[in-house]
Protein backbone atom coordinates (compact mmCIF):
# COMPACT_ATOMS: atom_id res chain seq x y z
CA GLY A 1 12.42 47.77 -23.56
CA THR A 2 12.91 44.42 -23.64
CA PRO A 3 12.30 42.10 -20.52
CA SER A 4 14.94 41.03 -18.74
CA ILE A 5 14.87 37.31 -17.69
CA PRO A 6 16.52 36.54 -14.04
CA SER A 7 19.68 34.53 -14.77
CA PRO A 8 20.09 31.70 -13.09
CA PRO A 9 16.38 30.97 -12.94
CA PHE A 10 14.51 30.95 -9.97
CA PHE A 11 13.33 27.47 -8.45
CA PRO A 12 11.58 26.72 -5.14
CA ALA A 13 13.83 27.05 -2.32
CA PRO A 14 14.82 23.77 -1.06
CA THR A 15 13.55 25.04 2.51
CA PRO A 16 10.55 27.04 3.17
CA PRO A 17 10.89 30.06 4.89
CA ILE A 18 9.03 28.81 7.81
CA GLY A 19 8.49 25.20 6.63
CA GLY A 20 8.22 22.62 4.53
CA THR A 21 4.91 20.22 4.46
CA CYS A 22 4.93 16.33 4.80
CA ASP A 23 4.79 16.53 1.33
CA PHE A 24 7.44 18.74 0.33
CA TRP A 25 9.85 16.72 2.86
CA ARG A 26 8.61 13.13 0.68
CA SER A 27 9.25 14.56 -2.39
CA HIS A 28 13.16 15.49 -1.16
CA PRO A 29 14.45 12.54 0.21
CA THR A 30 17.83 13.24 -0.89
CA LEU A 31 17.42 16.63 1.49
CA ILE A 32 16.64 14.05 4.63
CA TRP A 33 19.72 11.95 3.75
CA GLY A 34 21.81 14.89 3.38
CA LEU A 35 20.54 16.25 7.19
CA LEU A 36 20.95 12.91 9.01
CA GLY A 37 22.42 10.23 6.31
CA TRP A 38 21.48 6.31 6.83
CA TRP A 39 20.66 6.98 10.33
CA GLY A 40 17.64 8.82 9.55
CA THR A 41 14.61 6.68 11.71
CA VAL A 42 12.04 7.43 13.43
CA GLY A 43 14.07 5.88 16.85
CA ASN A 44 17.07 7.93 16.13
CA ALA A 45 15.48 11.19 15.18
CA PHE A 46 13.15 11.03 18.56
CA GLY A 47 15.21 9.05 20.52
CA VAL A 48 12.83 6.65 21.51
CA THR A 49 13.55 2.78 21.87
CA ASN A 50 9.69 1.80 21.31
CA VAL A 51 7.24 4.04 18.83
CA PRO A 52 3.31 2.13 18.84
CA GLY A 53 2.64 1.12 15.64
CA LEU A 54 5.14 1.93 13.35
CA GLY A 55 8.20 0.82 14.91
CA THR A 56 11.38 2.55 15.56
CA SER A 57 13.68 1.42 12.38
CA MET A 58 11.32 2.79 9.61
CA SER A 59 12.80 5.47 8.03
CA LEU A 60 12.11 8.92 7.81
CA PRO A 61 10.80 8.83 4.50
CA GLN A 62 9.02 5.82 5.03
CA ALA A 63 6.83 7.73 8.37
CA LEU A 64 6.46 10.90 6.07
CA SER A 65 4.15 8.48 3.86
CA ASN A 66 2.89 6.44 5.87
CA THR A 67 -1.01 5.83 4.88
CA ARG A 68 -2.12 5.12 8.35
CA THR A 69 -5.41 7.28 9.13
CA ASP A 70 -5.63 7.80 13.01
CA GLY A 71 -4.08 10.13 15.59
CA LEU A 72 -0.89 8.31 15.38
CA GLY A 73 -0.20 8.12 11.41
CA ALA A 74 -0.75 12.19 11.63
CA LEU A 75 1.93 12.41 14.21
CA TYR A 76 4.38 10.48 12.44
CA ARG A 77 3.85 12.42 9.23
CA GLU A 78 3.40 15.48 10.98
CA GLY A 79 5.71 15.28 13.79
CA THR A 80 8.58 13.94 10.95
CA ALA A 81 8.08 17.00 8.56
CA SER A 82 8.55 19.58 12.00
CA PHE A 83 11.48 17.95 13.33
CA LEU A 84 13.11 18.15 9.90
CA ASN A 85 11.95 22.06 9.95
CA SER A 86 13.39 22.63 13.12
CA MET A 87 16.53 21.47 11.83
CA VAL A 88 16.66 23.52 8.64
CA ASN A 89 15.04 26.80 9.74
CA ASN A 90 15.94 28.35 12.67
CA ARG A 91 13.02 30.08 12.67
CA PHE A 92 10.38 27.40 12.91
CA PRO A 93 8.23 27.65 15.39
CA PHE A 94 9.11 25.04 17.42
CA SER A 95 12.97 24.07 18.74
CA THR A 96 14.07 20.62 17.61
CA LYS A 97 14.12 19.84 21.28
CA GLN A 98 10.37 20.84 21.75
CA VAL A 99 9.71 18.66 18.47
CA ARG A 100 11.07 15.84 20.28
CA GLU A 101 9.52 16.20 23.91
CA THR A 102 6.12 16.90 22.51
CA PHE A 103 6.29 13.88 20.11
CA VAL A 104 7.44 11.47 22.59
CA ALA A 105 4.74 12.90 24.77
CA ALA A 106 2.11 12.70 22.29
CA LEU A 107 2.40 8.72 21.98
CA GLY A 108 0.62 7.88 24.58
CA SER A 109 -3.00 8.01 23.15
CA ASN A 110 -4.61 8.67 19.71
CA SER A 111 -6.12 10.96 20.76
CA ALA A 112 -3.28 13.12 21.90
CA ALA A 113 -1.24 12.20 18.90
CA ALA A 114 -4.38 13.81 16.91
CA ALA A 115 -3.79 17.00 18.90
CA GLN A 116 -0.44 17.31 18.43
CA ALA A 117 -0.05 16.05 15.03
CA ARG A 118 -2.58 19.13 14.29
CA LEU A 119 -0.47 21.43 15.77
CA PHE A 120 2.78 20.28 14.01
CA LYS A 121 0.48 20.64 10.86
CA GLN A 122 -0.34 24.02 11.48
CA ALA A 123 3.64 25.01 11.88
CA ASN A 124 4.32 23.12 8.95
CA GLU A 125 2.45 25.10 6.28
CA GLY A 126 3.52 28.61 8.49
CA HIS A 127 0.02 29.38 10.08
CA LEU A 128 2.20 29.33 13.55
CA LYS A 129 4.26 32.26 14.59
CA PRO A 130 8.13 32.15 13.84
CA ARG A 131 10.67 31.81 16.70
CA THR A 132 12.61 35.31 16.95
């Protein structure tokens, strides 16, 4: 027999079953704009008026692409990806409210930011148990 070819061709889903990494979201800015429109800033997303180091008016794609090597830079990248994942995936390990609260709580110090970023990264990569 002739092998069948799926039609239409299968492409990677725009929202992975557990979550997308920073790279996934960074390479899909139109998905971010589709979710949040032009209001997609760090300040609006996390409900904060003061964000150390990068500022509240930074767009979410900019937060995902920041090159800071400290804990705050990692928190901006991983926290933004977790925020987006929580919005599009009801099985993501954290709710949107939990992402916002823990992101804001971790802004107090570089070490707290680094620790929270590591946890967000695990969730973004699908290494934490999904919500049921």
